[in-house]
PDB file of all heavy atoms in Angstrom:
ATOM      1  N   ILE A   1      34.528   2.739  53.115  1.00  0.00           N
ATOM      2  CA  ILE A   1      33.896   3.882  52.446  1.00  0.00           C
ATOM      3  C   ILE A   1      34.462   4.029  51.028  1.00  0.00           C
ATOM      4  O   ILE A   1      35.462   4.569  50.846  1.00  0.00           O
ATOM      5  CB  ILE A   1      34.051   5.158  53.251  1.00  0.00           C
ATOM      6  CG1 ILE A   1      33.711   4.984  54.720  1.00  0.00           C
ATOM      7  CG2 ILE A   1      33.236   6.320  52.645  1.00  0.00           C
ATOM      8  CD1 ILE A   1      33.910   6.199  55.580  1.00  0.00           C
ATOM      9  N   GLN A   2      33.734   3.413  50.083  1.00  0.00           N
ATOM     10  CA  GLN A   2      34.200   3.463  48.695  1.00  0.00           C
ATOM     11  C   GLN A   2      33.214   4.143  47.784  1.00  0.00           C
ATOM     12  O   GLN A   2      33.602   4.723  46.781  1.00  0.00           O
ATOM     13  CB  GLN A   2      34.324   1.992  48.261  1.00  0.00           C
ATOM     14  CG  GLN A   2      35.350   1.198  49.027  1.00  0.00           C
ATOM     15  CD  GLN A   2      36.762   1.660  48.799  1.00  0.00           C
ATOM     16  OE1 GLN A   2      37.161   2.036  47.649  1.00  0.00           O
ATOM     17  NE2 GLN A   2      37.633   1.669  49.858  1.00  0.00           N
ATOM     18  N   THR A   3      31.926   4.122  48.083  1.00  0.00           N
ATOM     19  CA  THR A   3      30.858   4.633  47.258  1.00  0.00           C
ATOM     20  C   THR A   3      29.936   5.639  47.919  1.00  0.00           C
ATOM     21  O   THR A   3      30.018   5.705  49.218  1.00  0.00           O
ATOM     22  CB  THR A   3      30.091   3.589  46.619  1.00  0.00           C
ATOM     23  OG1 THR A   3      29.302   2.898  47.695  1.00  0.00           O
ATOM     24  CG2 THR A   3      30.893   2.532  45.923  1.00  0.00           C
ATOM     25  N   LEU A   4      29.078   6.209  47.287  1.00  0.00           N
ATOM     26  CA  LEU A   4      28.102   7.155  47.993  1.00  0.00           C
ATOM     27  C   LEU A   4      27.255   6.367  48.932  1.00  0.00           C
ATOM     28  O   LEU A   4      26.894   6.894  50.022  1.00  0.00           O
ATOM     29  CB  LEU A   4      27.224   7.841  46.936  1.00  0.00           C
ATOM     30  CG  LEU A   4      27.917   8.944  46.041  1.00  0.00           C
ATOM     31  CD1 LEU A   4      26.951   9.441  44.992  1.00  0.00           C
ATOM     32  CD2 LEU A   4      28.423  10.032  46.866  1.00  0.00           C
ATOM     33  N   ALA A   5      26.911   5.168  48.611  1.00  0.00           N
ATOM     34  CA  ALA A   5      26.020   4.344  49.494  1.00  0.00           C
ATOM     35  C   ALA A   5      26.712   4.094  50.836  1.00  0.00           C
ATOM     36  O   ALA A   5      26.008   3.995  51.853  1.00  0.00           O
ATOM     37  CB  ALA A   5      25.705   3.021  48.847  1.00  0.00           C
ATOM     38  N   ASP A   6      28.023   4.086  50.853  1.00  0.00           N
ATOM     39  CA  ASP A   6      28.783   3.854  52.098  1.00  0.00           C
ATOM     40  C   ASP A   6      28.747   5.040  53.045  1.00  0.00           C
ATOM     41  O   ASP A   6      29.148   4.873  54.169  1.00  0.00           O
ATOM     42  CB  ASP A   6      30.219   3.503  51.781  1.00  0.00           C
ATOM     43  CG  ASP A   6      30.351   2.269  50.917  1.00  0.00           C
ATOM     44  OD1 ASP A   6      29.470   1.291  51.088  1.00  0.00           O
ATOM     45  OD2 ASP A   6      31.279   2.156  50.162  1.00  0.00           O
ATOM     46  N   VAL A   7      28.271   6.177  52.577  1.00  0.00           N
ATOM     47  CA  VAL A   7      28.282   7.399  53.415  1.00  0.00           C
ATOM     48  C   VAL A   7      27.106   7.351  54.395  1.00  0.00           C
ATOM     49  O   VAL A   7      27.184   7.944  55.423  1.00  0.00           O
ATOM     50  CB  VAL A   7      28.157   8.639  52.478  1.00  0.00           C
ATOM     51  CG1 VAL A   7      27.994   9.973  53.353  1.00  0.00           C
ATOM     52  CG2 VAL A   7      29.369   8.779  51.552  1.00  0.00           C
ATOM     53  N   ARG A   8      26.047   6.538  54.012  1.00  0.00           N
ATOM     54  CA  ARG A   8      24.930   6.484  54.948  1.00  0.00           C
ATOM     55  C   ARG A   8      25.319   6.057  56.406  1.00  0.00           C
ATOM     56  O   ARG A   8      26.032   5.095  56.512  1.00  0.00           O
ATOM     57  CB  ARG A   8      23.912   5.505  54.391  1.00  0.00           C
ATOM     58  CG  ARG A   8      22.608   5.398  55.315  1.00  0.00           C
ATOM     59  CD  ARG A   8      21.629   4.436  54.699  1.00  0.00           C
ATOM     60  NE  ARG A   8      20.809   5.054  53.646  1.00  0.00           N
ATOM     61  CZ  ARG A   8      20.907   4.766  52.332  1.00  0.00           C
ATOM     62  NH1 ARG A   8      21.822   3.878  51.926  1.00  0.00           N
ATOM     63  NH2 ARG A   8      20.113   5.347  51.493  1.00  0.00           N
ATOM     64  N   GLY A   9      24.841   6.828  57.365  1.00  0.00           N
ATOM     65  CA  GLY A   9      25.118   6.513  58.773  1.00  0.00           C
ATOM     66  C   GLY A   9      26.512   7.026  59.278  1.00  0.00           C
ATOM     67  O   GLY A   9      26.792   6.806  60.462  1.00  0.00           O
ATOM     68  N   LYS A  10      27.342   7.567  58.392  1.00  0.00           N
ATOM     69  CA  LYS A  10      28.666   8.019  58.877  1.00  0.00           C
ATOM     70  C   LYS A  10      28.620   9.434  59.387  1.00  0.00           C
ATOM     71  O   LYS A  10      27.694  10.152  59.289  1.00  0.00           O
ATOM     72  CB  LYS A  10      29.598   7.970  57.624  1.00  0.00           C
ATOM     73  CG  LYS A  10      29.706   6.573  56.986  1.00  0.00           C
ATOM     74  CD  LYS A  10      30.342   5.614  57.994  1.00  0.00           C
ATOM     75  CE  LYS A  10      30.725   4.343  57.306  1.00  0.00           C
ATOM     76  NZ  LYS A  10      29.594   3.568  56.595  1.00  0.00           N
ATOM     77  N   ARG A  11      29.717   9.815  60.022  1.00  0.00           N
ATOM     78  CA  ARG A  11      29.954  11.135  60.574  1.00  0.00           C
ATOM     79  C   ARG A  11      30.579  12.060  59.491  1.00  0.00           C
ATOM     80  O   ARG A  11      31.588  11.722  58.954  1.00  0.00           O
ATOM     81  CB  ARG A  11      30.862  11.119  61.832  1.00  0.00           C
ATOM     82  CG  ARG A  11      30.374  10.191  62.975  1.00  0.00           C
ATOM     83  CD  ARG A  11      31.506   9.996  64.015  1.00  0.00           C
ATOM     84  NE  ARG A  11      32.585   9.334  63.436  1.00  0.00           N
ATOM     85  CZ  ARG A  11      33.843   9.184  63.981  1.00  0.00           C
ATOM     86  NH1 ARG A  11      34.039   9.789  65.201  1.00  0.00           N
ATOM     87  NH2 ARG A  11      34.798   8.592  63.394  1.00  0.00           N
ATOM     88  N   ILE A  12      29.875  13.164  59.231  1.00  0.00           N
ATOM     89  CA  ILE A  12      30.302  14.033  58.170  1.00  0.00           C
ATOM     90  C   ILE A  12      30.720  15.398  58.718  1.00  0.00           C
ATOM     91  O   ILE A  12      29.956  16.030  59.502  1.00  0.00           O
ATOM     92  CB  ILE A  12      29.196  14.224  57.088  1.00  0.00           C
ATOM     93  CG1 ILE A  12      28.782  12.928  56.518  1.00  0.00           C
ATOM     94  CG2 ILE A  12      29.673  15.267  56.068  1.00  0.00           C
ATOM     95  CD1 ILE A  12      27.604  13.013  55.502  1.00  0.00           C
ATOM     96  N   ALA A  13      31.961  15.856  58.398  1.00  0.00           N
ATOM     97  CA  ALA A  13      32.385  17.166  58.878  1.00  0.00           C
ATOM     98  C   ALA A  13      32.290  18.193  57.714  1.00  0.00           C
ATOM     99  O   ALA A  13      32.728  17.875  56.587  1.00  0.00           O
ATOM    100  CB  ALA A  13      33.792  17.059  59.300  1.00  0.00           C
ATOM    101  N   THR A  14      31.729  19.364  57.947  1.00  0.00           N
ATOM    102  CA  THR A  14      31.727  20.412  57.056  1.00  0.00           C
ATOM    103  C   THR A  14      31.742  21.731  57.876  1.00  0.00           C
ATOM    104  O   THR A  14      31.515  21.666  59.047  1.00  0.00           O
ATOM    105  CB  THR A  14      30.480  20.405  56.063  1.00  0.00           C
ATOM    106  OG1 THR A  14      30.601  21.404  55.121  1.00  0.00           O
ATOM    107  CG2 THR A  14      29.216  20.634  56.844  1.00  0.00           C
ATOM    108  N   THR A  15      32.014  22.849  57.191  1.00  0.00           N
ATOM    109  CA  THR A  15      32.139  24.070  57.995  1.00  0.00           C
ATOM    110  C   THR A  15      30.869  24.626  58.518  1.00  0.00           C
ATOM    111  O   THR A  15      30.862  25.096  59.698  1.00  0.00           O
ATOM    112  CB  THR A  15      32.785  25.173  57.023  1.00  0.00           C
ATOM    113  OG1 THR A  15      32.005  25.248  55.844  1.00  0.00           O
ATOM    114  CG2 THR A  15      34.195  24.868  56.756  1.00  0.00           C
ATOM    115  N   HIS A  16      29.822  24.676  57.781  1.00  0.00           N
ATOM    116  CA  HIS A  16      28.495  25.069  58.342  1.00  0.00           C
ATOM    117  C   HIS A  16      27.342  24.468  57.446  1.00  0.00           C
ATOM    118  O   HIS A  16      27.554  24.097  56.360  1.00  0.00           O
ATOM    119  CB  HIS A  16      28.418  26.662  58.403  1.00  0.00           C
ATOM    120  CG  HIS A  16      28.716  27.297  57.125  1.00  0.00           C
ATOM    121  ND1 HIS A  16      29.950  27.219  56.452  1.00  0.00           N
ATOM    122  CD2 HIS A  16      27.884  28.050  56.315  1.00  0.00           C
ATOM    123  CE1 HIS A  16      29.922  27.975  55.293  1.00  0.00           C
ATOM    124  NE2 HIS A  16      28.673  28.471  55.231  1.00  0.00           N
ATOM    125  N   LYS A  17      26.234  24.424  58.075  1.00  0.00           N
ATOM    126  CA  LYS A  17      25.091  23.696  57.505  1.00  0.00           C
ATOM    127  C   LYS A  17      24.444  24.415  56.292  1.00  0.00           C
ATOM    128  O   LYS A  17      23.668  23.735  55.594  1.00  0.00           O
ATOM    129  CB  LYS A  17      23.963  23.455  58.620  1.00  0.00           C
ATOM    130  CG  LYS A  17      23.361  24.802  59.124  1.00  0.00           C
ATOM    131  CD  LYS A  17      22.347  24.391  60.203  1.00  0.00           C
ATOM    132  CE  LYS A  17      21.617  25.587  60.779  1.00  0.00           C
ATOM    133  NZ  LYS A  17      20.633  25.273  61.753  1.00  0.00           N
ATOM    134  N   GLU A  18      24.695  25.613  56.035  1.00  0.00           N
ATOM    135  CA  GLU A  18      24.214  26.276  54.874  1.00  0.00           C
ATOM    136  C   GLU A  18      25.246  26.725  53.903  1.00  0.00           C
ATOM    137  O   GLU A  18      25.080  27.609  53.084  1.00  0.00           O
ATOM    138  CB  GLU A  18      23.295  27.514  55.286  1.00  0.00           C
ATOM    139  CG  GLU A  18      22.029  27.090  56.031  1.00  0.00           C
ATOM    140  CD  GLU A  18      21.165  28.274  56.308  1.00  0.00           C
ATOM    141  OE1 GLU A  18      21.520  29.431  55.937  1.00  0.00           O
ATOM    142  OE2 GLU A  18      20.108  28.045  56.970  1.00  0.00           O
ATOM    143  N   GLY A  19      26.402  26.046  53.975  1.00  0.00           N
ATOM    144  CA  GLY A  19      27.491  26.286  53.068  1.00  0.00           C
ATOM    145  C   GLY A  19      27.048  25.898  51.628  1.00  0.00           C
ATOM    146  O   GLY A  19      26.208  25.074  51.514  1.00  0.00           O
ATOM    147  N   PHE A  20      27.638  26.465  50.625  1.00  0.00           N
ATOM    148  CA  PHE A  20      27.298  26.067  49.254  1.00  0.00           C
ATOM    149  C   PHE A  20      28.234  25.035  48.686  1.00  0.00           C
ATOM    150  O   PHE A  20      27.767  23.903  48.486  1.00  0.00           O
ATOM    151  CB  PHE A  20      27.352  27.338  48.380  1.00  0.00           C
ATOM    152  CG  PHE A  20      26.745  27.072  46.978  1.00  0.00           C
ATOM    153  CD1 PHE A  20      25.502  26.636  46.816  1.00  0.00           C
ATOM    154  CD2 PHE A  20      27.552  27.342  45.868  1.00  0.00           C
ATOM    155  CE1 PHE A  20      24.908  26.388  45.587  1.00  0.00           C
ATOM    156  CE2 PHE A  20      26.999  27.101  44.535  1.00  0.00           C
ATOM    157  CZ  PHE A  20      25.681  26.638  44.457  1.00  0.00           C
ATOM    158  N   ALA A  21      29.439  25.300  48.471  1.00  0.00           N
ATOM    159  CA  ALA A  21      30.404  24.336  47.957  1.00  0.00           C
ATOM    160  C   ALA A  21      30.852  23.332  49.004  1.00  0.00           C
ATOM    161  O   ALA A  21      31.461  22.326  48.609  1.00  0.00           O
ATOM    162  CB  ALA A  21      31.593  24.982  47.320  1.00  0.00           C
ATOM    163  N   ALA A  22      30.509  23.608  50.231  1.00  0.00           N
ATOM    164  CA  ALA A  22      31.049  22.670  51.296  1.00  0.00           C
ATOM    165  C   ALA A  22      29.816  22.091  52.048  1.00  0.00           C
ATOM    166  O   ALA A  22      29.958  21.528  53.156  1.00  0.00           O
ATOM    167  CB  ALA A  22      31.878  23.495  52.394  1.00  0.00           C
ATOM    168  N   MET A  23      28.642  22.185  51.388  1.00  0.00           N
ATOM    169  CA  MET A  23      27.512  21.471  52.007  1.00  0.00           C
ATOM    170  C   MET A  23      26.392  21.219  50.992  1.00  0.00           C
ATOM    171  O   MET A  23      26.027  20.025  50.670  1.00  0.00           O
ATOM    172  CB  MET A  23      26.888  22.397  53.145  1.00  0.00           C
ATOM    173  CG  MET A  23      25.672  21.742  53.856  1.00  0.00           C
ATOM    174  SD  MET A  23      25.912  20.147  54.611  1.00  0.00           S
ATOM    175  CE  MET A  23      24.320  19.694  55.209  1.00  0.00           C
ATOM    176  N   LEU A  24      25.750  22.290  50.411  1.00  0.00           N
ATOM    177  CA  LEU A  24      24.627  22.021  49.554  1.00  0.00           C
ATOM    178  C   LEU A  24      24.953  21.217  48.298  1.00  0.00           C
ATOM    179  O   LEU A  24      24.160  20.381  47.870  1.00  0.00           O
ATOM    180  CB  LEU A  24      24.038  23.367  49.104  1.00  0.00           C
ATOM    181  CG  LEU A  24      23.339  24.190  50.188  1.00  0.00           C
ATOM    182  CD1 LEU A  24      22.782  25.476  49.697  1.00  0.00           C
ATOM    183  CD2 LEU A  24      22.261  23.449  50.933  1.00  0.00           C
TER     184      LEU A  24
END
């Protein structure tokens, strides 16, 4: 995982789905 393209298909952790600085 080196670039944005490498994020595709990965597991992403964030606090909540409508967070601003931690999601949107």
